């Protein structure tokens, strides 16, 4: 994350968004403006690492695309 000014932190808190976040922010939410860079899997940062999970499921023979 980049350096965040005190007034930015206060303004972000007033939005209510960080109140229900385990780490205090959601990279896919309003706090995205504070993120300078990401190293690694974006989906892992957001939640479930989709690329890596799909790879593991395929290795185990689990079909990824199927009709319901």
C-alpha atoms as a PDB file:
ATOM      1  CA  UNK A   1       0.000   0.000   0.000  1.00  0.00           C
ATOM      2  CA  UNK A   2       1.058   3.544  -0.498  1.00  0.00           C
ATOM      3  CA  UNK A   3       1.428   5.965   2.380  1.00  0.00           C
ATOM      4  CA  UNK A   4      -2.027   7.110   3.402  1.00  0.00           C
ATOM      5  CA  UNK A   5      -2.720  10.554   4.808  1.00  0.00           C
ATOM      6  CA  UNK A   6      -4.568  10.820   8.118  1.00  0.00           C
ATOM      7  CA  UNK A   7      -7.478  12.628   6.474  1.00  0.00           C
ATOM      8  CA  UNK A   8      -7.765   9.806   3.909  1.00  0.00           C
ATOM      9  CA  UNK A   9      -7.923   7.196   6.656  1.00  0.00           C
ATOM     10  CA  UNK A  10     -10.623   9.155   8.458  1.00  0.00           C
ATOM     11  CA  UNK A  11     -12.620   9.633   5.244  1.00  0.00           C
ATOM     12  CA  UNK A  12     -12.343   5.948   4.414  1.00  0.00           C
ATOM     13  CA  UNK A  13     -13.505   4.987   7.909  1.00  0.00           C
ATOM     14  CA  UNK A  14     -16.534   7.250   7.578  1.00  0.00           C
ATOM     15  CA  UNK A  15     -17.653   5.289   4.513  1.00  0.00           C
ATOM     16  CA  UNK A  16     -18.344   2.327   6.804  1.00  0.00           C
ATOM     17  CA  UNK A  17     -16.585  -0.082   4.469  1.00  0.00           C
ATOM     18  CA  UNK A  18     -13.705  -1.103   6.770  1.00  0.00           C
ATOM     19  CA  UNK A  19     -15.959  -1.898   9.751  1.00  0.00           C
ATOM     20  CA  UNK A  20     -16.793  -5.415   8.531  1.00  0.00           C
ATOM     21  CA  UNK A  21     -13.444  -6.356   7.004  1.00  0.00           C
ATOM     22  CA  UNK A  22     -11.013  -8.677   8.782  1.00  0.00           C
ATOM     23  CA  UNK A  23      -8.006  -6.737   7.490  1.00  0.00           C
ATOM     24  CA  UNK A  24      -9.764  -3.367   7.572  1.00  0.00           C
ATOM     25  CA  UNK A  25     -10.064  -3.026   3.801  1.00  0.00           C
ATOM     26  CA  UNK A  26     -11.269  -4.745   0.660  1.00  0.00           C
ATOM     27  CA  UNK A  27      -8.934  -4.457  -2.294  1.00  0.00           C
ATOM     28  CA  UNK A  28     -11.917  -4.692  -4.638  1.00  0.00           C
ATOM     29  CA  UNK A  29     -13.695  -1.912  -2.762  1.00  0.00           C
ATOM     30  CA  UNK A  30     -13.041   1.740  -2.018  1.00  0.00           C
ATOM     31  CA  UNK A  31      -9.598   1.025  -0.545  1.00  0.00           C
ATOM     32  CA  UNK A  32      -8.340   0.015  -3.994  1.00  0.00           C
ATOM     33  CA  UNK A  33      -7.089   3.602  -4.358  1.00  0.00           C
ATOM     34  CA  UNK A  34      -4.561   2.934  -1.565  1.00  0.00           C
ATOM     35  CA  UNK A  35      -3.024  -0.166  -3.176  1.00  0.00           C
ATOM     36  CA  UNK A  36       0.254   0.624  -4.884  1.00  0.00           C
ATOM     37  CA  UNK A  37       0.974  -2.882  -6.238  1.00  0.00           C
ATOM     38  CA  UNK A  38       0.126  -6.556  -5.903  1.00  0.00           C
ATOM     39  CA  UNK A  39       2.629  -9.374  -6.033  1.00  0.00           C
ATOM     40  CA  UNK A  40       1.222 -12.774  -6.834  1.00  0.00           C
ATOM     41  CA  UNK A  41      -2.328 -13.821  -7.533  1.00  0.00           C
ATOM     42  CA  UNK A  42      -4.950 -11.056  -7.506  1.00  0.00           C
ATOM     43  CA  UNK A  43      -7.715 -13.594  -6.845  1.00  0.00           C
ATOM     44  CA  UNK A  44      -5.814 -14.882  -3.798  1.00  0.00           C
ATOM     45  CA  UNK A  45      -5.660 -11.351  -2.439  1.00  0.00           C
ATOM     46  CA  UNK A  46      -9.396 -10.911  -3.015  1.00  0.00           C
ATOM     47  CA  UNK A  47     -10.325 -14.329  -1.645  1.00  0.00           C
ATOM     48  CA  UNK A  48      -9.970 -17.714  -3.290  1.00  0.00           C
ATOM     49  CA  UNK A  49      -6.998 -18.076  -5.656  1.00  0.00           C
ATOM     50  CA  UNK A  50      -9.073 -19.153  -8.653  1.00  0.00           C
ATOM     51  CA  UNK A  51      -6.250 -19.915 -11.089  1.00  0.00           C
ATOM     52  CA  UNK A  52      -4.381 -22.065  -8.602  1.00  0.00           C
ATOM     53  CA  UNK A  53      -7.534 -23.806  -7.335  1.00  0.00           C
ATOM     54  CA  UNK A  54      -8.626 -24.654 -10.876  1.00  0.00           C
ATOM     55  CA  UNK A  55      -5.193 -26.135 -11.560  1.00  0.00           C
ATOM     56  CA  UNK A  56      -5.364 -28.314  -8.438  1.00  0.00           C
ATOM     57  CA  UNK A  57      -8.896 -29.491  -9.221  1.00  0.00           C
ATOM     58  CA  UNK A  58      -7.924 -30.448 -12.774  1.00  0.00           C
ATOM     59  CA  UNK A  59      -4.926 -32.414 -11.487  1.00  0.00           C
ATOM     60  CA  UNK A  60      -7.358 -34.411  -9.339  1.00  0.00           C
ATOM     61  CA  UNK A  61      -9.645 -35.082 -12.307  1.00  0.00           C
ATOM     62  CA  UNK A  62     -12.419 -32.732 -11.219  1.00  0.00           C
ATOM     63  CA  UNK A  63     -14.231 -31.270 -14.239  1.00  0.00           C
ATOM     64  CA  UNK A  64     -14.202 -27.489 -14.277  1.00  0.00           C
ATOM     65  CA  UNK A  65     -16.716 -26.845 -17.051  1.00  0.00           C
ATOM     66  CA  UNK A  66     -19.840 -28.924 -17.012  1.00  0.00           C
ATOM     67  CA  UNK A  67     -23.483 -28.444 -17.868  1.00  0.00           C
ATOM     68  CA  UNK A  68     -25.938 -28.332 -15.023  1.00  0.00           C
END
